[in-house]
Protein backbone atom coordinates (compact mmCIF):
# COMPACT_ATOMS: atom_id res chain seq x y z
CA UNK A 1 -23.75 -12.73 15.83
CA UNK A 2 -21.17 -13.93 13.28
CA UNK A 3 -21.09 -12.21 9.91
CA UNK A 4 -19.37 -13.55 6.83
CA UNK A 5 -16.27 -11.42 6.25
CA UNK A 6 -13.91 -11.42 3.27
CA UNK A 7 -10.85 -11.21 5.49
CA UNK A 8 -11.54 -14.81 6.53
CA UNK A 9 -10.30 -16.05 3.15
CA UNK A 10 -7.12 -14.00 3.55
CA UNK A 11 -6.59 -15.63 6.92
CA UNK A 12 -7.02 -19.06 5.38
CA UNK A 13 -4.43 -18.20 2.75
CA UNK A 14 -2.00 -17.04 5.45
CA UNK A 15 -2.49 -20.28 7.41
CA UNK A 16 -1.80 -22.40 4.34
CA UNK A 17 1.18 -20.44 3.02
CA UNK A 18 2.81 -19.60 6.35
CA UNK A 19 2.60 -23.04 7.93
CA UNK A 20 3.73 -21.56 11.23
CA UNK A 21 6.62 -19.49 9.88
CA UNK A 22 4.93 -16.13 10.55
CA UNK A 23 2.40 -14.62 12.93
CA UNK A 24 -0.60 -12.78 11.54
CA UNK A 25 -1.37 -9.25 12.75
CA UNK A 26 -4.84 -7.96 11.92
CA UNK A 27 -5.01 -4.18 12.15
CA UNK A 28 -8.18 -2.14 12.12
CA UNK A 29 -10.25 0.45 13.90
CA UNK A 30 -12.04 -0.34 17.10
CA UNK A 31 -15.36 -2.21 16.72
CA UNK A 32 -14.63 -3.20 13.15
CA UNK A 33 -14.98 -6.91 14.00
CA UNK A 34 -11.39 -8.12 14.42
CA UNK A 35 -11.88 -10.10 17.62
CA UNK A 36 -15.05 -11.74 16.36
CA UNK A 37 -13.61 -12.98 13.08
CA UNK A 38 -10.43 -14.20 14.80
CA UNK A 39 -12.44 -16.20 17.34
CA UNK A 40 -14.57 -17.64 14.56
CA UNK A 41 -11.42 -18.57 12.63
CA UNK A 42 -9.83 -20.18 15.70
CA UNK A 43 -12.93 -22.23 16.41
CA UNK A 44 -13.34 -23.42 12.82
CA UNK A 45 -9.77 -23.97 11.64
CA UNK A 46 -7.95 -25.42 14.68
CA UNK A 47 -8.38 -28.31 17.07
CA UNK A 48 -7.93 -25.97 20.05
CA UNK A 49 -7.09 -22.34 20.74
CA UNK A 50 -6.18 -19.84 23.45
CA UNK A 51 -7.19 -16.17 23.46
CA UNK A 52 -5.46 -13.63 25.68
CA UNK A 53 -7.33 -10.32 25.61
CA UNK A 54 -4.82 -7.68 26.67
CA UNK A 55 -7.58 -5.12 27.10
CA UNK A 56 -8.79 -7.22 30.03
CA UNK A 57 -5.86 -9.50 30.87
CA UNK A 58 -5.28 -10.87 34.36
CA UNK A 59 -2.06 -10.30 36.27
CA UNK A 60 -1.22 -13.98 35.81
CA UNK A 61 -1.59 -13.67 32.04
CA UNK A 62 0.72 -10.67 31.90
CA UNK A 63 3.30 -12.40 34.09
CA UNK A 64 3.65 -15.14 31.46
CA UNK A 65 5.73 -12.74 29.37
CA UNK A 66 8.16 -11.65 32.05
CA UNK A 67 10.56 -14.42 31.00
CA UNK A 68 10.09 -16.52 27.89
CA UNK A 69 13.65 -17.81 27.72
CA UNK A 70 12.23 -21.21 28.68
CA UNK A 71 9.59 -21.76 25.98
CA UNK A 72 8.50 -25.13 27.38
CA UNK A 73 7.75 -23.56 30.76
CA UNK A 74 5.87 -20.71 29.04
CA UNK A 75 3.53 -23.21 27.35
CA UNK A 76 3.11 -25.27 30.51
CA UNK A 77 2.04 -22.22 32.47
CA UNK A 78 -0.24 -21.06 29.67
CA UNK A 79 -2.00 -24.44 29.48
CA UNK A 80 -2.44 -24.56 33.25
CA UNK A 81 -3.77 -21.02 33.32
CA UNK A 82 -6.24 -21.56 30.48
CA UNK A 83 -7.03 -25.25 31.19
CA UNK A 84 -6.56 -26.15 27.54
CA UNK A 85 -4.74 -28.85 25.59
CA UNK A 86 -2.57 -27.41 22.82
CA UNK A 87 -1.92 -29.60 19.77
CA UNK A 88 1.31 -29.14 17.85
CA UNK A 89 0.60 -27.54 14.44
CA UNK A 90 -3.14 -27.69 15.12
CA UNK A 91 -3.64 -25.00 17.76
CA UNK A 92 -3.57 -21.23 17.59
CA UNK A 93 -2.73 -18.70 20.28
CA UNK A 94 -4.46 -15.33 19.87
CA UNK A 95 -3.11 -12.08 21.30
CA UNK A 96 -6.17 -9.81 21.19
CA UNK A 97 -5.61 -6.03 21.44
CA UNK A 98 -1.86 -6.69 21.50
CA UNK A 99 -1.11 -2.96 21.38
CA UNK A 100 -2.10 -2.82 25.04
CA UNK A 101 0.90 -4.97 26.04
CA UNK A 102 3.96 -4.56 23.77
CA UNK A 103 6.04 -7.30 25.51
CA UNK A 104 3.63 -9.88 24.11
CA UNK A 105 4.18 -8.56 20.61
CA UNK A 106 7.94 -8.73 21.07
CA UNK A 107 7.62 -12.34 22.26
CA UNK A 108 6.16 -13.32 18.89
CA UNK A 109 9.68 -13.56 17.45
CA UNK A 110 10.63 -16.39 19.80
CA UNK A 111 7.25 -18.10 19.82
CA UNK A 112 7.14 -18.30 16.01
CA UNK A 113 10.71 -19.59 15.93
CA UNK A 114 9.64 -22.40 18.26
CA UNK A 115 7.19 -23.47 15.54
CA UNK A 116 4.73 -25.56 17.52
CA UNK A 117 1.66 -23.37 17.18
CA UNK A 118 0.17 -20.59 15.08
CA UNK A 119 -0.19 -17.02 16.35
CA UNK A 120 -2.70 -14.32 15.47
CA UNK A 121 -2.59 -10.79 16.86
CA UNK A 122 -5.17 -8.04 16.64
CA UNK A 123 -4.45 -4.35 17.10
CA UNK A 124 -6.63 -1.27 17.29
CA UNK A 125 -5.80 2.37 16.75
CA UNK A 126 -2.50 4.08 16.50
CA UNK A 127 -1.02 2.62 19.64
CA UNK A 128 -0.24 -0.54 17.66
CA UNK A 129 2.52 1.60 16.12
CA UNK A 130 3.04 4.09 18.94
CA UNK A 131 3.68 1.69 21.85
CA UNK A 132 6.75 0.09 20.29
CA UNK A 133 9.58 2.42 21.27
CA UNK A 134 11.14 -0.05 23.70
CA UNK A 135 10.56 -3.33 21.88
CA UNK A 136 11.88 -5.09 18.80
CA UNK A 137 9.17 -5.39 16.13
CA UNK A 138 9.14 -9.05 15.06
CA UNK A 139 10.12 -9.59 11.43
CA UNK A 140 8.14 -12.82 11.63
CA UNK A 141 4.93 -10.77 11.71
CA UNK A 142 2.80 -10.16 8.61
CA UNK A 143 -0.12 -7.77 8.75
CA UNK A 144 -3.42 -7.32 6.95
CA UNK A 145 -5.92 -4.51 7.37
CA UNK A 146 -9.54 -5.04 8.29
CA UNK A 147 -12.11 -2.51 7.14
CA UNK A 148 -15.78 -1.93 7.96
CA UNK A 149 -18.13 -4.28 6.16
CA UNK A 150 -18.23 -3.43 2.47
CA UNK A 151 -21.49 -3.39 0.53
CA UNK A 152 -21.27 -7.06 -0.43
CA UNK A 153 -20.64 -8.10 3.19
CA UNK A 154 -23.56 -5.89 4.22
CA UNK A 155 -25.82 -7.65 1.72
CA UNK A 156 -24.63 -11.03 3.00
CA UNK A 157 -25.56 -9.95 6.54
CA UNK A 158 -29.07 -9.14 5.35
CA UNK A 159 -29.36 -12.59 3.76
CA UNK A 160 -28.77 -11.51 0.16
CA UNK A 161 -26.12 -13.71 -1.46
CA UNK A 162 -26.99 -13.09 -5.12
CA UNK A 163 -27.28 -9.36 -5.87
CA UNK A 164 -23.59 -8.46 -6.02
CA UNK A 165 -22.71 -11.41 -8.28
CA UNK A 166 -25.48 -10.33 -10.65
CA UNK A 167 -24.23 -6.74 -10.59
CA UNK A 168 -20.73 -8.00 -11.43
CA UNK A 169 -22.05 -9.74 -14.54
CA UNK A 170 -24.01 -6.65 -15.61
CA UNK A 171 -20.97 -4.43 -15.15
CA UNK A 172 -18.77 -6.85 -17.06
CA UNK A 173 -21.24 -6.82 -19.96
CA UNK A 174 -21.80 -3.05 -19.58
CA UNK A 175 -25.48 -3.89 -19.64
CA UNK A 176 -28.02 -1.40 -18.19
CA UNK A 177 -30.23 -2.73 -15.41
CA UNK A 178 -33.31 -0.68 -16.28
CA UNK A 179 -34.67 2.32 -14.40
CA UNK A 180 -36.95 0.39 -12.05
CA UNK A 181 -34.22 -2.03 -10.96
CA UNK A 182 -31.76 0.83 -10.57
CA UNK A 183 -34.18 2.68 -8.29
CA UNK A 184 -34.47 -0.43 -6.13
CA UNK A 185 -30.69 -0.87 -6.06
CA UNK A 186 -30.28 2.76 -5.01
CA UNK A 187 -32.84 2.39 -2.21
CA UNK A 188 -30.94 -0.64 -0.92
CA UNK A 189 -27.60 1.16 -1.16
CA UNK A 190 -28.88 4.25 0.65
CA UNK A 191 -29.74 2.00 3.58
CA UNK A 192 -26.12 0.85 3.63
CA UNK A 193 -24.96 4.47 3.60
CA UNK A 194 -27.11 5.21 6.63
CA UNK A 195 -26.20 2.13 8.67
CA UNK A 196 -22.61 1.71 7.53
CA UNK A 197 -20.40 -1.31 7.92
CA UNK A 198 -19.64 -1.45 11.64
CA UNK A 199 -20.84 -4.92 12.74
CA UNK A 200 -22.55 -3.62 15.89
CA UNK A 201 -24.60 -1.14 13.87
CA UNK A 202 -25.53 -3.80 11.29
CA UNK A 203 -26.50 -6.28 14.03
CA UNK A 204 -28.65 -3.65 15.73
CA UNK A 205 -30.50 -2.96 12.48
CA UNK A 206 -31.08 -6.67 11.85
CA UNK A 207 -32.42 -7.09 15.38
CA UNK A 208 -34.61 -3.97 15.53
CA UNK A 209 -35.03 -2.40 12.06
CA UNK A 210 -34.81 0.82 14.10
CA UNK A 211 -32.51 3.48 12.66
CA UNK A 212 -32.66 5.50 15.87
CA UNK A 213 -31.24 2.51 17.78
CA UNK A 214 -28.59 2.15 15.07
CA UNK A 215 -27.69 5.82 15.44
CA UNK A 216 -27.13 5.34 19.18
CA UNK A 217 -24.72 2.48 18.47
CA UNK A 218 -22.78 4.63 16.02
CA UNK A 219 -22.60 7.53 18.48
CA UNK A 220 -21.09 5.23 21.09
CA UNK A 221 -18.44 4.08 18.61
CA UNK A 222 -17.60 7.66 17.68
CA UNK A 223 -17.27 8.54 21.37
CA UNK A 224 -14.74 5.71 21.75
CA UNK A 225 -12.71 7.08 18.85
CA UNK A 226 -12.80 10.61 20.22
CA UNK A 227 -11.67 9.45 23.67
CA UNK A 228 -8.83 7.44 22.07
CA UNK A 229 -7.67 10.47 20.09
CA UNK A 230 -7.75 12.57 23.24
CA UNK A 231 -5.59 10.02 25.09
CA UNK A 232 -3.04 9.85 22.29
CA UNK A 233 -2.94 13.59 21.56
CA UNK A 234 -3.37 15.72 24.65
CA UNK A 235 -3.39 18.91 22.57
CA UNK A 236 -6.86 17.95 21.32
CA UNK A 237 -5.97 18.70 17.70
CA UNK A 238 -6.54 15.12 16.52
CA UNK A 239 -10.01 15.17 18.02
CA UNK A 240 -10.69 18.55 16.40
CA UNK A 241 -9.53 17.34 12.99
CA UNK A 242 -11.67 14.20 13.25
CA UNK A 243 -14.83 16.08 14.19
CA UNK A 244 -14.24 18.66 11.43
CA UNK A 245 -14.20 16.12 8.57
CA UNK A 246 -17.88 16.43 7.51
CA UNK A 247 -17.77 20.22 7.69
CA UNK A 248 -14.61 20.45 5.59
CA UNK A 249 -16.05 18.15 2.90
CA UNK A 250 -19.24 20.19 2.95
CA UNK A 251 -17.25 23.26 1.85
CA UNK A 252 -16.42 21.49 -1.42
CA UNK A 253 -12.93 22.97 -1.27
CA UNK A 254 -9.92 21.52 -3.03
CA UNK A 255 -8.25 20.59 0.25
CA UNK A 256 -8.75 20.14 3.99
CA UNK A 257 -8.19 23.59 5.52
CA UNK A 258 -6.16 22.46 8.50
CA UNK A 259 -4.94 25.96 9.39
CA UNK A 260 -8.46 27.15 10.15
CA UNK A 261 -9.46 23.88 11.84
CA UNK A 262 -6.47 23.62 14.19
CA UNK A 263 -5.69 27.28 14.76
CA UNK A 264 -2.78 27.84 12.38
CA UNK A 265 -0.87 24.76 13.51
CA UNK A 266 2.37 24.03 11.73
CA UNK A 267 2.27 21.60 8.84
CA UNK A 268 4.68 19.12 10.43
CA UNK A 269 2.45 18.92 13.52
CA UNK A 270 -0.69 18.40 11.46
CA UNK A 271 1.03 15.88 9.17
CA UNK A 272 2.08 13.82 12.16
CA UNK A 273 -1.46 13.84 13.51
CA UNK A 274 -2.93 12.90 10.14
CA UNK A 275 -0.49 10.01 9.81
CA UNK A 276 -1.41 8.83 13.29
CA UNK A 277 -5.11 9.01 12.50
CA UNK A 278 -4.66 7.21 9.18
CA UNK A 279 -2.81 4.43 11.03
CA UNK A 280 -5.85 4.14 13.27
CA UNK A 281 -7.91 3.04 10.25
CA UNK A 282 -10.67 5.42 11.41
CA UNK A 283 -10.05 7.80 8.51
CA UNK A 284 -9.07 7.62 4.85
CA UNK A 285 -6.77 10.33 3.49
CA UNK A 286 -6.67 11.32 -0.19
CA UNK A 287 -3.57 13.23 -1.30
CA UNK A 288 -3.31 15.54 -4.27
CA UNK A 289 -1.28 14.00 -7.11
CA UNK A 290 0.70 16.87 -8.62
CA UNK A 291 1.72 14.77 -11.63
CA UNK A 292 -1.01 12.17 -12.19
CA UNK A 293 0.62 9.11 -13.66
CA UNK A 294 1.24 5.50 -12.60
CA UNK A 295 3.25 5.70 -9.40
CA UNK A 296 0.89 8.26 -7.88
CA UNK A 297 2.73 8.09 -4.56
CA UNK A 298 5.77 9.71 -6.18
CA UNK A 299 3.92 12.96 -6.92
CA UNK A 300 1.69 13.06 -3.83
CA UNK A 301 1.55 16.51 -2.23
CA UNK A 302 1.52 15.85 1.51
CA UNK A 303 0.44 19.44 2.15
CA UNK A 304 -2.73 19.09 0.08
CA UNK A 305 -5.22 16.44 1.13
CA UNK A 306 -8.81 15.56 1.87
CA UNK A 307 -9.99 13.42 4.77
CA UNK A 308 -12.88 10.95 4.84
CA UNK A 309 -14.25 8.69 7.56
CA UNK A 310 -13.53 5.01 7.01
CA UNK A 311 -17.21 4.23 7.55
CA UNK A 312 -19.97 6.26 5.95
CA UNK A 313 -22.52 5.21 8.56
CA UNK A 314 -20.32 6.85 11.19
CA UNK A 315 -19.85 9.82 8.85
CA UNK A 316 -23.60 10.39 8.66
CA UNK A 317 -23.85 10.43 12.45
CA UNK A 318 -20.80 12.65 12.89
CA UNK A 319 -22.15 15.13 10.34
CA UNK A 320 -25.10 15.79 12.66
CA UNK A 321 -23.29 15.19 15.94
CA UNK A 322 -24.95 18.17 17.64
CA UNK A 323 -28.46 17.09 16.61
CA UNK A 324 -30.77 14.54 18.19
CA UNK A 325 -31.82 11.69 15.95
CA UNK A 326 -35.30 13.14 15.46
CA UNK A 327 -33.73 16.32 14.04
CA UNK A 328 -31.37 14.45 11.75
CA UNK A 329 -32.82 15.32 8.37
CA UNK A 330 -30.20 13.36 6.51
CA UNK A 331 -31.85 10.03 7.39
CA UNK A 332 -35.16 10.95 5.80
CA UNK A 333 -33.52 12.67 2.86
CA UNK A 334 -31.31 9.71 2.07
CA UNK A 335 -34.02 7.10 2.47
CA UNK A 336 -36.43 9.07 0.31
CA UNK A 337 -33.87 10.05 -2.34
CA UNK A 338 -34.16 13.74 -1.44
CA UNK A 339 -30.48 14.33 -0.80
CA UNK A 340 -29.76 17.78 -2.21
CA UNK A 341 -26.44 19.11 -3.48
CA UNK A 342 -25.53 20.45 -0.04
CA UNK A 343 -25.37 16.89 1.27
CA UNK A 344 -23.55 15.42 -1.71
CA UNK A 345 -20.38 14.99 0.31
CA UNK A 346 -21.95 11.85 1.82
CA UNK A 347 -21.67 10.19 -1.59
CA UNK A 348 -18.06 11.28 -1.93
CA UNK A 349 -17.27 9.71 1.45
CA UNK A 350 -18.85 6.37 0.58
CA UNK A 351 -16.93 6.23 -2.72
CA UNK A 352 -13.70 6.91 -0.81
CA UNK A 353 -14.62 4.10 1.58
CA UNK A 354 -15.29 1.62 -1.23
CA UNK A 355 -12.12 2.53 -3.13
CA UNK A 356 -9.95 2.27 0.00
CA UNK A 357 -11.46 -1.02 1.18
CA UNK A 358 -10.52 -2.68 -2.11
CA UNK A 359 -6.86 -1.96 -1.44
CA UNK A 360 -6.42 1.33 -3.31
CA UNK A 361 -4.64 4.35 -1.86
CA UNK A 362 -6.59 7.55 -2.41
CA UNK A 363 -5.40 10.31 -4.75
CA UNK A 364 -7.17 13.16 -6.49
CA UNK A 365 -6.26 15.94 -8.93
CA UNK A 366 -7.35 19.56 -9.37
CA UNK A 367 -6.33 22.23 -11.87
CA UNK A 368 -7.39 25.60 -13.27
CA UNK A 369 -8.12 26.34 -16.91
CA UNK A 370 -7.29 29.58 -18.74
CA UNK A 371 -10.48 31.17 -17.41
CA UNK A 372 -9.50 30.29 -13.84
CA UNK A 373 -12.22 27.63 -13.64
CA UNK A 374 -11.36 24.81 -11.26
CA UNK A 375 -11.70 21.22 -12.42
CA UNK A 376 -11.40 18.21 -10.16
CA UNK A 377 -11.01 14.47 -10.55
CA UNK A 378 -12.24 12.99 -7.29
CA UNK A 379 -10.26 9.75 -7.38
CA UNK A 380 -7.47 8.28 -9.48
CA UNK A 381 -7.17 4.51 -9.81
CA UNK A 382 -3.92 2.97 -11.00
CA UNK A 383 -4.51 -0.01 -13.28
CA UNK A 384 -1.48 -1.59 -14.92
CA UNK A 385 0.45 1.11 -16.74
CA UNK A 386 -2.55 3.45 -17.02
CA UNK A 387 -4.83 5.60 -14.88
CA UNK A 388 -8.58 5.38 -14.44
CA UNK A 389 -10.01 8.78 -13.41
CA UNK A 390 -13.24 8.85 -11.39
CA UNK A 391 -15.63 11.78 -11.09
CA UNK A 392 -18.40 11.54 -8.47
CA UNK A 393 -21.85 13.11 -8.75
CA UNK A 394 -24.43 13.06 -5.96
CA UNK A 395 -27.31 12.88 -8.42
CA UNK A 396 -28.22 11.57 -11.83
CA UNK A 397 -26.48 14.52 -13.49
CA UNK A 398 -24.39 12.92 -16.22
CA UNK A 399 -22.28 15.79 -17.54
CA UNK A 400 -18.57 15.00 -17.11
CA UNK A 401 -16.65 18.13 -18.00
CA UNK A 402 -13.80 17.51 -15.55
CA UNK A 403 -13.32 13.97 -16.87
CA UNK A 404 -13.30 15.15 -20.48
CA UNK A 405 -10.74 17.86 -19.80
CA UNK A 406 -8.54 15.57 -17.72
CA UNK A 407 -8.53 12.87 -20.38
CA UNK A 408 -7.66 15.43 -23.04
CA UNK A 409 -4.87 16.85 -20.86
CA UNK A 410 -3.36 13.42 -20.11
CA UNK A 411 -4.58 11.36 -23.05
CA UNK A 412 -1.55 9.07 -23.13
CA UNK A 413 -2.04 7.99 -19.51
CA UNK A 414 -5.72 7.04 -19.53
CA UNK A 415 -7.31 3.62 -19.56
CA UNK A 416 -10.96 3.53 -18.49
CA UNK A 417 -12.79 6.62 -17.29
CA UNK A 418 -15.74 6.57 -14.90
CA UNK A 419 -18.52 8.93 -13.88
CA UNK A 420 -20.11 7.70 -10.65
CA UNK A 421 -23.69 8.82 -10.15
CA UNK A 422 -27.15 7.61 -9.04
CA UNK A 423 -28.67 6.55 -12.36
CA UNK A 424 -28.41 3.37 -14.44
CA UNK A 425 -25.25 1.92 -15.91
CA UNK A 426 -24.58 3.18 -19.42
CA UNK A 427 -21.84 4.28 -21.80
CA UNK A 428 -21.40 7.86 -22.98
CA UNK A 429 -18.78 7.70 -25.73
CA UNK A 430 -15.53 6.84 -23.90
CA UNK A 431 -16.95 7.37 -20.40
CA UNK A 432 -18.67 4.62 -18.44
CA UNK A 433 -21.44 6.02 -16.25
CA UNK A 434 -21.55 3.80 -13.18
CA UNK A 435 -24.24 3.69 -10.48
CA UNK A 436 -22.63 4.28 -7.10
CA UNK A 437 -23.46 0.84 -5.74
CA UNK A 438 -21.11 -0.67 -8.36
CA UNK A 439 -17.99 1.30 -7.35
CA UNK A 440 -16.61 -1.54 -5.28
CA UNK A 441 -16.62 -3.71 -8.41
CA UNK A 442 -14.46 -1.44 -10.58
């Protein structure tokens, strides 16, 4: 089942602008849809193509890369092996799961220099960066990240090609939708939160309309991630950190308490693991900005962070990992709009997912007032020379004390300010109150 994905347009732009001068590396978590979109692209945009899947490559395929000093012989052997005709400047060679065989990635330098064909690589999990100690990373390689299906892609998959464009126009005009329409939009969005954006989970829902079957798909994906973490970190700490994400967000603390999660591990050890996991594209990390201004990276506190799953559908399943589907109260609560404050962290995770998938790094800010009351801005967006603070509510509660205090504290740095909640779009003085399903449009 092919789904329309936004990354396809980025691939088209690369093909046009590169004209064979670079290879394209698509990075993303396992089961996010990389191989599918690459095959679709190869079929649609080229006269012929070859795919070598290094997760299941034959001995003969691997032997191709033992000596590529004779490029002509390399192509002759490849064409004989794959029984395909390659057309100069109109064929593409795909290295799928290239992290499994680093010599193929190193060969890209010489293959691109030859210039006859285009090259696309896909890579999953941290080993795309880890398995490179003995090879030269090709400078001819450009990379783009692939994320789980965003809300618009999810709507496309369900056959809805109009809703998001209409929401864009309403947001642009700052025009309320009306309570009845907002309730419908929220029902639709809660379904996305439950299913998530992993193509297998979406396809299972389309085929069955059975959320229990969808949950089984998501559990299998999570098991793959956990096994991968265990292979890449024999200490088990990466696996422990990953599984602790819902519980840590549930505490509503100002940071991820890694010392309690990993048994008082040293910061440098934890930081290395977090970086590895972030590279895997399975998690999103938000760092505390000690001095919130444009150039947030410059004041990021690497010791103070929160962690989110890159897909909220997986997050929902992981949050109740030890429960059978029939005991998973979050499904009924979300579908029936009965999500209480104790489960509000699900909304925070989906906002993090939407902000990250639109190309924004995640930063947040906390501070204490004179009465030792803690305020928090959940996300900081950098727009031009100004900041856009975002406060997230898991309900229709529209009070925005943290936003007001933050904007007063840093008045010269603020552009737009947003309260994200579950009610209709409206303006409250300088603050725009945005329904959560519009976050990806900000």
